[in-house]
Amino acid sequence: MSVILYSKPHCLECNVLKRFLRDYQISYEERNCTAHPEYLDEVKRMGFLGVPVTVVNGTPVRGLQPDRILELLGQKGES
């Protein structure tokens, strides 16, 4: 399973997603778009204008969508 989170340090949704991933013990690679602008270019190539974007096994998910992330990982959410 591969999870990549494109984020920025002062992004509220990004920080909520990081907490969600930690709470569910989901390993992820964080790509800081502020420190590495080339990551923001990757986000734009996926068709998005901003972060957060979570890529789960090659499928991008825009924004704060924890249920969708769990679905792509084959896990059940609490909703």
PDB file of N, CA and C in Angstrom:
ATOM      1  N   MET A   1       0.841  -1.181   0.000  1.00  0.00           N
ATOM      2  CA  MET A   1       0.000   0.000   0.000  1.00  0.00           C
ATOM      3  C   MET A   1       0.881   1.238   0.000  1.00  0.00           C
ATOM      4  N   SER A   2       0.515   2.188  -0.822  1.00  0.00           N
ATOM      5  CA  SER A   2       1.280   3.421  -0.941  1.00  0.00           C
ATOM      6  C   SER A   2       0.363   4.610  -0.682  1.00  0.00           C
ATOM      7  N   VAL A   3       0.750   5.455   0.294  1.00  0.00           N
ATOM      8  CA  VAL A   3      -0.017   6.657   0.598  1.00  0.00           C
ATOM      9  C   VAL A   3       0.942   7.839   0.612  1.00  0.00           C
ATOM     10  N   ILE A   4       0.638   8.836  -0.211  1.00  0.00           N
ATOM     11  CA  ILE A   4       1.441  10.056  -0.288  1.00  0.00           C
ATOM     12  C   ILE A   4       0.515  11.221   0.016  1.00  0.00           C
ATOM     13  N   LEU A   5       0.939  12.086   0.939  1.00  0.00           N
ATOM     14  CA  LEU A   5       0.160  13.267   1.285  1.00  0.00           C
ATOM     15  C   LEU A   5       0.926  14.508   0.850  1.00  0.00           C
ATOM     16  N   TYR A   6       0.356  15.240  -0.104  1.00  0.00           N
ATOM     17  CA  TYR A   6       0.901  16.529  -0.519  1.00  0.00           C
ATOM     18  C   TYR A   6       0.305  17.575   0.401  1.00  0.00           C
ATOM     19  N   SER A   7       1.164  18.361   1.060  1.00  0.00           N
ATOM     20  CA  SER A   7       0.667  19.288   2.069  1.00  0.00           C
ATOM     21  C   SER A   7       1.524  20.540   2.152  1.00  0.00           C
ATOM     22  N   LYS A   8       1.057  21.471   2.992  1.00  0.00           N
ATOM     23  CA  LYS A   8       1.803  22.668   3.358  1.00  0.00           C
ATOM     24  C   LYS A   8       1.732  22.790   4.878  1.00  0.00           C
ATOM     25  N   PRO A   9       2.767  23.330   5.516  1.00  0.00           N
ATOM     26  CA  PRO A   9       2.834  23.341   6.980  1.00  0.00           C
ATOM     27  C   PRO A   9       1.673  24.035   7.692  1.00  0.00           C
ATOM     28  N   HIS A  10       1.168  25.141   7.172  1.00  0.00           N
ATOM     29  CA  HIS A  10       0.140  25.895   7.882  1.00  0.00           C
ATOM     30  C   HIS A  10      -1.263  25.668   7.316  1.00  0.00           C
ATOM     31  N   CYS A  11      -1.449  24.539   6.663  1.00  0.00           N
ATOM     32  CA  CYS A  11      -2.740  24.180   6.065  1.00  0.00           C
ATOM     33  C   CYS A  11      -3.543  23.372   7.092  1.00  0.00           C
ATOM     34  N   LEU A  12      -4.684  23.919   7.508  1.00  0.00           N
ATOM     35  CA  LEU A  12      -5.506  23.260   8.521  1.00  0.00           C
ATOM     36  C   LEU A  12      -5.963  21.875   8.074  1.00  0.00           C
ATOM     37  N   GLU A  13      -6.509  21.774   6.858  1.00  0.00           N
ATOM     38  CA  GLU A  13      -6.967  20.470   6.359  1.00  0.00           C
ATOM     39  C   GLU A  13      -5.813  19.466   6.294  1.00  0.00           C
ATOM     40  N   CYS A  14      -4.626  19.940   5.903  1.00  0.00           N
ATOM     41  CA  CYS A  14      -3.455  19.058   5.827  1.00  0.00           C
ATOM     42  C   CYS A  14      -3.135  18.489   7.202  1.00  0.00           C
ATOM     43  N   ASN A  15      -3.156  19.357   8.216  1.00  0.00           N
ATOM     44  CA  ASN A  15      -2.836  18.919   9.575  1.00  0.00           C
ATOM     45  C   ASN A  15      -3.883  17.954  10.122  1.00  0.00           C
ATOM     46  N   VAL A  16      -5.145  18.174   9.776  1.00  0.00           N
ATOM     47  CA  VAL A  16      -6.202  17.249  10.181  1.00  0.00           C
ATOM     48  C   VAL A  16      -5.985  15.890   9.511  1.00  0.00           C
ATOM     49  N   LEU A  17      -5.629  15.903   8.231  1.00  0.00           N
ATOM     50  CA  LEU A  17      -5.376  14.644   7.517  1.00  0.00           C
ATOM     51  C   LEU A  17      -4.189  13.894   8.109  1.00  0.00           C
ATOM     52  N   LYS A  18      -3.131  14.609   8.471  1.00  0.00           N
ATOM     53  CA  LYS A  18      -1.965  13.955   9.090  1.00  0.00           C
ATOM     54  C   LYS A  18      -2.370  13.286  10.399  1.00  0.00           C
ATOM     55  N   ARG A  19      -3.175  13.979  11.192  1.00  0.00           N
ATOM     56  CA  ARG A  19      -3.644  13.394  12.457  1.00  0.00           C
ATOM     57  C   ARG A  19      -4.501  12.159  12.190  1.00  0.00           C
ATOM     58  N   PHE A  20      -5.386  12.251  11.198  1.00  0.00           N
ATOM     59  CA  PHE A  20      -6.226  11.107  10.827  1.00  0.00           C
ATOM     60  C   PHE A  20      -5.368   9.902  10.440  1.00  0.00           C
ATOM     61  N   LEU A  21      -4.372  10.119   9.593  1.00  0.00           N
ATOM     62  CA  LEU A  21      -3.511   9.023   9.141  1.00  0.00           C
ATOM     63  C   LEU A  21      -2.748   8.408  10.322  1.00  0.00           C
ATOM     64  N   ARG A  22      -2.256   9.255  11.222  1.00  0.00           N
ATOM     65  CA  ARG A  22      -1.562   8.739  12.415  1.00  0.00           C
ATOM     66  C   ARG A  22      -2.529   7.952  13.305  1.00  0.00           C
ATOM     67  N   ASP A  23      -3.736   8.505  13.527  1.00  0.00           N
ATOM     68  CA  ASP A  23      -4.715   7.838  14.386  1.00  0.00           C
ATOM     69  C   ASP A  23      -5.091   6.461  13.856  1.00  0.00           C
ATOM     70  N   TYR A  24      -5.166   6.320  12.550  1.00  0.00           N
ATOM     71  CA  TYR A  24      -5.503   5.033  11.935  1.00  0.00           C
ATOM     72  C   TYR A  24      -4.264   4.195  11.632  1.00  0.00           C
ATOM     73  N   GLN A  25      -3.108   4.669  12.105  1.00  0.00           N
ATOM     74  CA  GLN A  25      -1.832   3.964  11.922  1.00  0.00           C
ATOM     75  C   GLN A  25      -1.582   3.620  10.457  1.00  0.00           C
ATOM     76  N   ILE A  26      -1.833   4.602   9.600  1.00  0.00           N
ATOM     77  CA  ILE A  26      -1.605   4.454   8.166  1.00  0.00           C
ATOM     78  C   ILE A  26      -0.268   5.107   7.850  1.00  0.00           C
ATOM     79  N   SER A  27       0.668   4.330   7.357  1.00  0.00           N
ATOM     80  CA  SER A  27       1.980   4.866   6.980  1.00  0.00           C
ATOM     81  C   SER A  27       1.820   5.712   5.732  1.00  0.00           C
ATOM     82  N   TYR A  28       2.500   6.852   5.715  1.00  0.00           N
ATOM     83  CA  TYR A  28       2.398   7.729   4.556  1.00  0.00           C
ATOM     84  C   TYR A  28       3.689   8.504   4.371  1.00  0.00           C
ATOM     85  N   GLU A  29       3.883   8.936   3.134  1.00  0.00           N
ATOM     86  CA  GLU A  29       4.998   9.821   2.792  1.00  0.00           C
ATOM     87  C   GLU A  29       4.423  11.218   2.669  1.00  0.00           C
ATOM     88  N   GLU A  30       4.994  12.155   3.406  1.00  0.00           N
ATOM     89  CA  GLU A  30       4.532  13.538   3.309  1.00  0.00           C
ATOM     90  C   GLU A  30       5.406  14.289   2.313  1.00  0.00           C
ATOM     91  N   ARG A  31       4.765  14.991   1.394  1.00  0.00           N
ATOM     92  CA  ARG A  31       5.482  15.819   0.420  1.00  0.00           C
ATOM     93  C   ARG A  31       5.102  17.276   0.671  1.00  0.00           C
ATOM     94  N   ASN A  32       6.021  17.998   1.294  1.00  0.00           N
ATOM     95  CA  ASN A  32       5.819  19.395   1.682  1.00  0.00           C
ATOM     96  C   ASN A  32       5.984  20.285   0.456  1.00  0.00           C
ATOM     97  N   CYS A  33       4.884  20.863   0.007  1.00  0.00           N
ATOM     98  CA  CYS A  33       4.890  21.682  -1.212  1.00  0.00           C
ATOM     99  C   CYS A  33       5.499  23.063  -0.986  1.00  0.00           C
ATOM    100  N   THR A  34       5.649  23.477   0.261  1.00  0.00           N
ATOM    101  CA  THR A  34       6.301  24.754   0.553  1.00  0.00           C
ATOM    102  C   THR A  34       7.809  24.596   0.448  1.00  0.00           C
ATOM    103  N   ALA A  35       8.335  23.546   1.048  1.00  0.00           N
ATOM    104  CA  ALA A  35       9.780  23.305   1.028  1.00  0.00           C
ATOM    105  C   ALA A  35      10.261  22.830  -0.338  1.00  0.00           C
ATOM    106  N   HIS A  36       9.383  22.151  -1.079  1.00  0.00           N
ATOM    107  CA  HIS A  36       9.746  21.581  -2.379  1.00  0.00           C
ATOM    108  C   HIS A  36       8.676  21.949  -3.410  1.00  0.00           C
ATOM    109  N   PRO A  37       8.810  23.113  -4.069  1.00  0.00           N
ATOM    110  CA  PRO A  37       7.798  23.561  -5.041  1.00  0.00           C
ATOM    111  C   PRO A  37       7.534  22.571  -6.171  1.00  0.00           C
ATOM    112  N   GLU A  38       8.471  21.701  -6.448  1.00  0.00           N
ATOM    113  CA  GLU A  38       8.252  20.701  -7.503  1.00  0.00           C
ATOM    114  C   GLU A  38       7.094  19.773  -7.135  1.00  0.00           C
ATOM    115  N   TYR A  39       6.827  19.590  -5.851  1.00  0.00           N
ATOM    116  CA  TYR A  39       5.689  18.777  -5.436  1.00  0.00           C
ATOM    117  C   TYR A  39       4.370  19.454  -5.806  1.00  0.00           C
ATOM    118  N   LEU A  40       4.326  20.778  -5.716  1.00  0.00           N
ATOM    119  CA  LEU A  40       3.117  21.501  -6.120  1.00  0.00           C
ATOM    120  C   LEU A  40       2.896  21.330  -7.628  1.00  0.00           C
ATOM    121  N   ASP A  41       3.984  21.253  -8.396  1.00  0.00           N
ATOM    122  CA  ASP A  41       3.853  20.970  -9.831  1.00  0.00           C
ATOM    123  C   ASP A  41       3.218  19.597 -10.057  1.00  0.00           C
ATOM    124  N   GLU A  42       3.598  18.618  -9.223  1.00  0.00           N
ATOM    125  CA  GLU A  42       2.997  17.282  -9.334  1.00  0.00           C
ATOM    126  C   GLU A  42       1.491  17.357  -9.054  1.00  0.00           C
ATOM    127  N   VAL A  43       1.108  18.140  -8.028  1.00  0.00           N
ATOM    128  CA  VAL A  43      -0.304  18.313  -7.688  1.00  0.00           C
ATOM    129  C   VAL A  43      -1.054  18.915  -8.880  1.00  0.00           C
ATOM    130  N   LYS A  44      -0.464  19.915  -9.518  1.00  0.00           N
ATOM    131  CA  LYS A  44      -1.095  20.564 -10.671  1.00  0.00           C
ATOM    132  C   LYS A  44      -1.224  19.602 -11.843  1.00  0.00           C
ATOM    133  N   ARG A  45      -0.227  18.743 -12.054  1.00  0.00           N
ATOM    134  CA  ARG A  45      -0.306  17.755 -13.138  1.00  0.00           C
ATOM    135  C   ARG A  45      -1.435  16.747 -12.898  1.00  0.00           C
ATOM    136  N   MET A  46      -1.794  16.551 -11.626  1.00  0.00           N
ATOM    137  CA  MET A  46      -2.925  15.657 -11.314  1.00  0.00           C
ATOM    138  C   MET A  46      -4.262  16.353 -11.544  1.00  0.00           C
ATOM    139  N   GLY A  47      -4.223  17.670 -11.806  1.00  0.00           N
ATOM    140  CA  GLY A  47      -5.449  18.406 -12.081  1.00  0.00           C
ATOM    141  C   GLY A  47      -5.983  19.206 -10.908  1.00  0.00           C
ATOM    142  N   PHE A  48      -5.179  19.359  -9.860  1.00  0.00           N
ATOM    143  CA  PHE A  48      -5.613  20.097  -8.677  1.00  0.00           C
ATOM    144  C   PHE A  48      -4.815  21.382  -8.544  1.00  0.00           C
ATOM    145  N   LEU A  49      -5.408  22.373  -7.870  1.00  0.00           N
ATOM    146  CA  LEU A  49      -4.755  23.673  -7.722  1.00  0.00           C
ATOM    147  C   LEU A  49      -4.123  23.864  -6.352  1.00  0.00           C
ATOM    148  N   GLY A  50      -4.476  23.027  -5.398  1.00  0.00           N
ATOM    149  CA  GLY A  50      -3.946  23.214  -4.053  1.00  0.00           C
ATOM    150  C   GLY A  50      -3.927  21.923  -3.265  1.00  0.00           C
ATOM    151  N   VAL A  51      -3.533  22.043  -2.014  1.00  0.00           N
ATOM    152  CA  VAL A  51      -3.413  20.906  -1.119  1.00  0.00           C
ATOM    153  C   VAL A  51      -4.478  21.001  -0.035  1.00  0.00           C
ATOM    154  N   PRO A  52      -4.800  19.931   0.625  1.00  0.00           N
ATOM    155  CA  PRO A  52      -4.135  18.637   0.582  1.00  0.00           C
ATOM    156  C   PRO A  52      -4.623  17.754  -0.565  1.00  0.00           C
ATOM    157  N   VAL A  53      -3.711  16.940  -1.029  1.00  0.00           N
ATOM    158  CA  VAL A  53      -4.034  15.873  -1.972  1.00  0.00           C
ATOM    159  C   VAL A  53      -3.374  14.618  -1.413  1.00  0.00           C
ATOM    160  N   THR A  54      -4.165  13.573  -1.257  1.00  0.00           N
ATOM    161  CA  THR A  54      -3.653  12.297  -0.782  1.00  0.00           C
ATOM    162  C   THR A  54      -3.722  11.317  -1.944  1.00  0.00           C
ATOM    163  N   VAL A  55      -2.614  10.674  -2.239  1.00  0.00           N
ATOM    164  CA  VAL A  55      -2.584   9.690  -3.319  1.00  0.00           C
ATOM    165  C   VAL A  55      -2.492   8.309  -2.680  1.00  0.00           C
ATOM    166  N   VAL A  56      -3.527   7.507  -2.904  1.00  0.00           N
ATOM    167  CA  VAL A  56      -3.599   6.161  -2.330  1.00  0.00           C
ATOM    168  C   VAL A  56      -3.474   5.154  -3.458  1.00  0.00           C
ATOM    169  N   ASN A  57      -2.364   4.444  -3.471  1.00  0.00           N
ATOM    170  CA  ASN A  57      -2.115   3.438  -4.519  1.00  0.00           C
ATOM    171  C   ASN A  57      -2.353   4.013  -5.912  1.00  0.00           C
ATOM    172  N   GLY A  58      -1.902   5.253  -6.131  1.00  0.00           N
ATOM    173  CA  GLY A  58      -2.000   5.879  -7.442  1.00  0.00           C
ATOM    174  C   GLY A  58      -3.286   6.657  -7.694  1.00  0.00           C
ATOM    175  N   THR A  59      -4.251   6.602  -6.776  1.00  0.00           N
ATOM    176  CA  THR A  59      -5.515   7.316  -6.939  1.00  0.00           C
ATOM    177  C   THR A  59      -5.502   8.588  -6.098  1.00  0.00           C
ATOM    178  N   PRO A  60      -5.555   9.767  -6.738  1.00  0.00           N
ATOM    179  CA  PRO A  60      -5.542  11.018  -5.970  1.00  0.00           C
ATOM    180  C   PRO A  60      -6.900  11.337  -5.350  1.00  0.00           C
ATOM    181  N   VAL A  61      -6.855  11.859  -4.125  1.00  0.00           N
ATOM    182  CA  VAL A  61      -8.052  12.265  -3.392  1.00  0.00           C
ATOM    183  C   VAL A  61      -7.828  13.700  -2.950  1.00  0.00           C
ATOM    184  N   ARG A  62      -8.670  14.620  -3.395  1.00  0.00           N
ATOM    185  CA  ARG A  62      -8.522  16.048  -3.084  1.00  0.00           C
ATOM    186  C   ARG A  62      -9.237  16.391  -1.792  1.00  0.00           C
ATOM    187  N   GLY A  63      -8.590  17.149  -0.954  1.00  0.00           N
ATOM    188  CA  GLY A  63      -9.228  17.665   0.247  1.00  0.00           C
ATOM    189  C   GLY A  63      -9.298  16.672   1.384  1.00  0.00           C
ATOM    190  N   LEU A  64     -10.196  16.977   2.298  1.00  0.00           N
ATOM    191  CA  LEU A  64     -10.359  16.204   3.523  1.00  0.00           C
ATOM    192  C   LEU A  64     -11.457  15.164   3.312  1.00  0.00           C
ATOM    193  N   GLN A  65     -11.066  13.956   2.877  1.00  0.00           N
ATOM    194  CA  GLN A  65     -12.010  12.875   2.588  1.00  0.00           C
ATOM    195  C   GLN A  65     -11.544  11.576   3.246  1.00  0.00           C
ATOM    196  N   PRO A  66     -11.557  11.523   4.582  1.00  0.00           N
ATOM    197  CA  PRO A  66     -11.042  10.330   5.257  1.00  0.00           C
ATOM    198  C   PRO A  66     -11.772   9.046   4.880  1.00  0.00           C
ATOM    199  N   ASP A  67     -13.094   9.098   4.680  1.00  0.00           N
ATOM    200  CA  ASP A  67     -13.828   7.887   4.308  1.00  0.00           C
ATOM    201  C   ASP A  67     -13.373   7.353   2.953  1.00  0.00           C
ATOM    202  N   ARG A  68     -13.113   8.254   2.018  1.00  0.00           N
ATOM    203  CA  ARG A  68     -12.633   7.839   0.684  1.00  0.00           C
ATOM    204  C   ARG A  68     -11.248   7.204   0.797  1.00  0.00           C
ATOM    205  N   ILE A  69     -10.392   7.778   1.639  1.00  0.00           N
ATOM    206  CA  ILE A  69      -9.043   7.222   1.831  1.00  0.00           C
ATOM    207  C   ILE A  69      -9.145   5.818   2.416  1.00  0.00           C
ATOM    208  N   LEU A  70      -9.987   5.644   3.434  1.00  0.00           N
ATOM    209  CA  LEU A  70     -10.166   4.316   4.027  1.00  0.00           C
ATOM    210  C   LEU A  70     -10.729   3.333   3.008  1.00  0.00           C
ATOM    211  N   GLU A  71     -11.658   3.798   2.185  1.00  0.00           N
ATOM    212  CA  GLU A  71     -12.242   2.942   1.141  1.00  0.00           C
ATOM    213  C   GLU A  71     -11.159   2.455   0.182  1.00  0.00           C
ATOM    214  N   LEU A  72     -10.292   3.362  -0.245  1.00  0.00           N
ATOM    215  CA  LEU A  72      -9.224   2.988  -1.176  1.00  0.00           C
ATOM    216  C   LEU A  72      -8.216   2.032  -0.520  1.00  0.00           C
ATOM    217  N   LEU A  73      -8.098   2.114   0.801  1.00  0.00           N
ATOM    218  CA  LEU A  73      -7.199   1.213   1.526  1.00  0.00           C
ATOM    219  C   LEU A  73      -7.879  -0.096   1.921  1.00  0.00           C
ATOM    220  N   GLY A  74      -9.176  -0.205   1.613  1.00  0.00           N
ATOM    221  CA  GLY A  74      -9.903  -1.420   1.944  1.00  0.00           C
ATOM    222  C   GLY A  74     -10.285  -1.505   3.407  1.00  0.00           C
ATOM    223  N   GLN A  75     -10.404  -0.356   4.067  1.00  0.00           N
ATOM    224  CA  GLN A  75     -10.779  -0.310   5.482  1.00  0.00           C
ATOM    225  C   GLN A  75     -12.145   0.329   5.616  1.00  0.00           C
ATOM    226  N   LYS A  76     -12.778   0.113   6.737  1.00  0.00           N
ATOM    227  CA  LYS A  76     -14.092   0.692   7.026  1.00  0.00           C
ATOM    228  C   LYS A  76     -13.927   1.957   7.847  1.00  0.00           C
ATOM    229  N   GLY A  77     -14.713   2.977   7.517  1.00  0.00           N
ATOM    230  CA  GLY A  77     -14.724   4.198   8.308  1.00  0.00           C
ATOM    231  C   GLY A  77     -15.722   4.098   9.446  1.00  0.00           C
ATOM    232  N   GLU A  78     -15.822   5.164  10.235  1.00  0.00           N
ATOM    233  CA  GLU A  78     -16.721   5.161  11.374  1.00  0.00           C
ATOM    234  C   GLU A  78     -18.044   5.868  11.073  1.00  0.00           C
ATOM    235  N   SER A  79     -18.263   6.255   9.811  1.00  0.00           N
ATOM    236  CA  SER A  79     -19.498   6.978   9.521  1.00  0.00           C
ATOM    237  C   SER A  79     -20.658   6.066   9.254  1.00  0.00           C
TER     238      SER A  79
END
